């Protein structure tokens, strides 16, 4: 059974950093593609970052490129999203996602 459990969200000031975690069960992150999406109030869902199978490639939305980094720990079967230099427009619920499966999300709020 596939499960994805996000954690690490919270309230942070502009310019701050957070690291989100997505603990995975039911498939192996080293051999599968995982995405991070976000949904802000009143906005469409946005694909933020993707890490492909075997870590061959990573892709980022233009809005986060240079500030966010997606990575994984194969020993922990976990995917991370390191978010630096956060802006108010990064405020959203962040979800990790794998081919139709997603977690419950974790809230990120960037505010002074």
C-alpha atoms as a PDB file:
ATOM      1  CA  UNK A   1       0.000   0.000   0.000  1.00  0.00           C
ATOM      2  CA  UNK A   2       1.429   3.354  -1.058  1.00  0.00           C
ATOM      3  CA  UNK A   3       1.614   6.022   1.635  1.00  0.00           C
ATOM      4  CA  UNK A   4       3.265   9.421   1.618  1.00  0.00           C
ATOM      5  CA  UNK A   5       3.508  11.424   4.830  1.00  0.00           C
ATOM      6  CA  UNK A   6       4.676  15.029   4.700  1.00  0.00           C
ATOM      7  CA  UNK A   7       6.153  16.942   7.614  1.00  0.00           C
ATOM      8  CA  UNK A   8       8.299  19.962   8.309  1.00  0.00           C
ATOM      9  CA  UNK A   9       5.950  22.807   7.514  1.00  0.00           C
ATOM     10  CA  UNK A  10       5.412  25.781   9.766  1.00  0.00           C
ATOM     11  CA  UNK A  11       5.557  29.531  10.113  1.00  0.00           C
ATOM     12  CA  UNK A  12       8.714  31.259   8.936  1.00  0.00           C
ATOM     13  CA  UNK A  13       9.707  34.847   8.259  1.00  0.00           C
ATOM     14  CA  UNK A  14      10.526  36.034   4.759  1.00  0.00           C
ATOM     15  CA  UNK A  15      14.069  35.068   3.893  1.00  0.00           C
ATOM     16  CA  UNK A  16      13.969  32.068   6.180  1.00  0.00           C
ATOM     17  CA  UNK A  17      14.314  28.366   5.418  1.00  0.00           C
ATOM     18  CA  UNK A  18      12.380  25.170   5.953  1.00  0.00           C
ATOM     19  CA  UNK A  19      12.989  21.564   5.004  1.00  0.00           C
ATOM     20  CA  UNK A  20       9.975  19.464   4.161  1.00  0.00           C
ATOM     21  CA  UNK A  21      10.090  15.688   4.396  1.00  0.00           C
ATOM     22  CA  UNK A  22       8.005  13.091   2.609  1.00  0.00           C
ATOM     23  CA  UNK A  23       8.267   9.673   4.227  1.00  0.00           C
ATOM     24  CA  UNK A  24       7.314   7.018   1.703  1.00  0.00           C
ATOM     25  CA  UNK A  25       6.087   3.458   2.067  1.00  0.00           C
ATOM     26  CA  UNK A  26       4.850   1.078  -0.594  1.00  0.00           C
ATOM     27  CA  UNK A  27       7.476   1.922  -3.199  1.00  0.00           C
ATOM     28  CA  UNK A  28      11.182   2.678  -3.332  1.00  0.00           C
ATOM     29  CA  UNK A  29      12.091   6.312  -3.863  1.00  0.00           C
ATOM     30  CA  UNK A  30      15.412   5.402  -5.438  1.00  0.00           C
ATOM     31  CA  UNK A  31      13.624   3.833  -8.405  1.00  0.00           C
ATOM     32  CA  UNK A  32      10.623   6.107  -8.759  1.00  0.00           C
ATOM     33  CA  UNK A  33       9.693   9.658  -9.620  1.00  0.00           C
ATOM     34  CA  UNK A  34       8.346  11.863  -6.835  1.00  0.00           C
ATOM     35  CA  UNK A  35       6.969  15.386  -7.102  1.00  0.00           C
ATOM     36  CA  UNK A  36       6.292  18.208  -4.680  1.00  0.00           C
ATOM     37  CA  UNK A  37       3.191  20.274  -5.424  1.00  0.00           C
ATOM     38  CA  UNK A  38       1.699  23.207  -3.594  1.00  0.00           C
ATOM     39  CA  UNK A  39      -1.704  24.824  -3.440  1.00  0.00           C
ATOM     40  CA  UNK A  40      -2.139  28.360  -2.200  1.00  0.00           C
ATOM     41  CA  UNK A  41      -5.549  29.769  -1.249  1.00  0.00           C
ATOM     42  CA  UNK A  42      -7.460  30.809  -4.337  1.00  0.00           C
ATOM     43  CA  UNK A  43      -4.786  29.541  -6.703  1.00  0.00           C
ATOM     44  CA  UNK A  44      -4.304  26.545  -8.944  1.00  0.00           C
ATOM     45  CA  UNK A  45      -2.139  23.670  -7.853  1.00  0.00           C
ATOM     46  CA  UNK A  46       1.474  24.257  -8.844  1.00  0.00           C
ATOM     47  CA  UNK A  47       4.134  21.669  -9.538  1.00  0.00           C
ATOM     48  CA  UNK A  48       7.132  22.834  -7.524  1.00  0.00           C
ATOM     49  CA  UNK A  49       9.829  20.201  -7.994  1.00  0.00           C
ATOM     50  CA  UNK A  50      10.385  16.719  -9.376  1.00  0.00           C
ATOM     51  CA  UNK A  51      13.062  14.138  -8.810  1.00  0.00           C
ATOM     52  CA  UNK A  52      13.145  11.380 -11.386  1.00  0.00           C
ATOM     53  CA  UNK A  53      13.834   7.715 -10.929  1.00  0.00           C
ATOM     54  CA  UNK A  54      17.429   6.871 -10.012  1.00  0.00           C
ATOM     55  CA  UNK A  55      17.984  10.586  -9.300  1.00  0.00           C
ATOM     56  CA  UNK A  56      18.911  11.159 -12.903  1.00  0.00           C
ATOM     57  CA  UNK A  57      17.217  14.525 -13.089  1.00  0.00           C
ATOM     58  CA  UNK A  58      15.572  17.204 -11.010  1.00  0.00           C
ATOM     59  CA  UNK A  59      13.216  19.877 -12.279  1.00  0.00           C
ATOM     60  CA  UNK A  60      11.857  23.011 -10.686  1.00  0.00           C
ATOM     61  CA  UNK A  61       9.160  25.569 -11.269  1.00  0.00           C
ATOM     62  CA  UNK A  62      10.567  28.869 -12.449  1.00  0.00           C
ATOM     63  CA  UNK A  63       9.192  30.525  -9.326  1.00  0.00           C
ATOM     64  CA  UNK A  64      11.392  28.438  -7.010  1.00  0.00           C
ATOM     65  CA  UNK A  65      14.453  27.697  -9.109  1.00  0.00           C
ATOM     66  CA  UNK A  66      17.622  28.614  -7.262  1.00  0.00           C
ATOM     67  CA  UNK A  67      15.844  28.673  -3.899  1.00  0.00           C
ATOM     68  CA  UNK A  68      14.405  25.156  -3.514  1.00  0.00           C
ATOM     69  CA  UNK A  69      16.214  21.833  -3.744  1.00  0.00           C
ATOM     70  CA  UNK A  70      14.608  18.398  -4.003  1.00  0.00           C
ATOM     71  CA  UNK A  71      16.588  15.414  -2.803  1.00  0.00           C
ATOM     72  CA  UNK A  72      16.129  11.957  -1.319  1.00  0.00           C
ATOM     73  CA  UNK A  73      17.577   9.618   1.241  1.00  0.00           C
ATOM     74  CA  UNK A  74      17.320   6.078  -0.047  1.00  0.00           C
ATOM     75  CA  UNK A  75      18.153   4.561   3.354  1.00  0.00           C
ATOM     76  CA  UNK A  76      15.196   6.370   4.915  1.00  0.00           C
ATOM     77  CA  UNK A  77      13.035   6.093   1.774  1.00  0.00           C
ATOM     78  CA  UNK A  78      12.286   9.781   2.155  1.00  0.00           C
ATOM     79  CA  UNK A  79      12.157  12.720  -0.252  1.00  0.00           C
ATOM     80  CA  UNK A  80      13.011  16.212   0.927  1.00  0.00           C
ATOM     81  CA  UNK A  81      12.327  19.738  -0.232  1.00  0.00           C
ATOM     82  CA  UNK A  82      14.826  22.253   1.093  1.00  0.00           C
ATOM     83  CA  UNK A  83      13.336  25.731   0.796  1.00  0.00           C
ATOM     84  CA  UNK A  84      15.577  28.764   1.217  1.00  0.00           C
ATOM     85  CA  UNK A  85      14.991  32.481   0.923  1.00  0.00           C
ATOM     86  CA  UNK A  86      11.292  31.959   1.413  1.00  0.00           C
ATOM     87  CA  UNK A  87       8.853  34.583   0.195  1.00  0.00           C
ATOM     88  CA  UNK A  88       5.276  35.355   1.150  1.00  0.00           C
ATOM     89  CA  UNK A  89       4.128  33.941  -2.163  1.00  0.00           C
ATOM     90  CA  UNK A  90       5.511  30.545  -1.121  1.00  0.00           C
ATOM     91  CA  UNK A  91       2.724  30.282   1.445  1.00  0.00           C
ATOM     92  CA  UNK A  92       0.721  27.172   0.584  1.00  0.00           C
ATOM     93  CA  UNK A  93      -0.038  23.610   1.523  1.00  0.00           C
ATOM     94  CA  UNK A  94       2.746  21.418   0.143  1.00  0.00           C
ATOM     95  CA  UNK A  95       2.106  17.857  -0.979  1.00  0.00           C
ATOM     96  CA  UNK A  96       4.384  15.107  -2.159  1.00  0.00           C
ATOM     97  CA  UNK A  97       2.994  13.075  -4.976  1.00  0.00           C
ATOM     98  CA  UNK A  98       3.650   9.846  -6.861  1.00  0.00           C
ATOM     99  CA  UNK A  99       1.467   8.847  -9.795  1.00  0.00           C
ATOM    100  CA  UNK A 100      -1.938   9.555  -8.315  1.00  0.00           C
ATOM    101  CA  UNK A 101      -0.952   9.124  -4.704  1.00  0.00           C
ATOM    102  CA  UNK A 102      -0.359  12.051  -2.419  1.00  0.00           C
ATOM    103  CA  UNK A 103       0.029  12.768   1.249  1.00  0.00           C
ATOM    104  CA  UNK A 104      -2.115  14.871   3.543  1.00  0.00           C
ATOM    105  CA  UNK A 105       0.025  17.936   2.980  1.00  0.00           C
ATOM    106  CA  UNK A 106       1.959  20.243   5.252  1.00  0.00           C
ATOM    107  CA  UNK A 107       1.219  23.937   5.677  1.00  0.00           C
ATOM    108  CA  UNK A 108       3.953  26.461   4.974  1.00  0.00           C
ATOM    109  CA  UNK A 109       3.276  30.048   5.987  1.00  0.00           C
ATOM    110  CA  UNK A 110       5.762  32.795   5.210  1.00  0.00           C
ATOM    111  CA  UNK A 111       4.957  35.946   7.105  1.00  0.00           C
ATOM    112  CA  UNK A 112       6.583  38.587   9.235  1.00  0.00           C
END
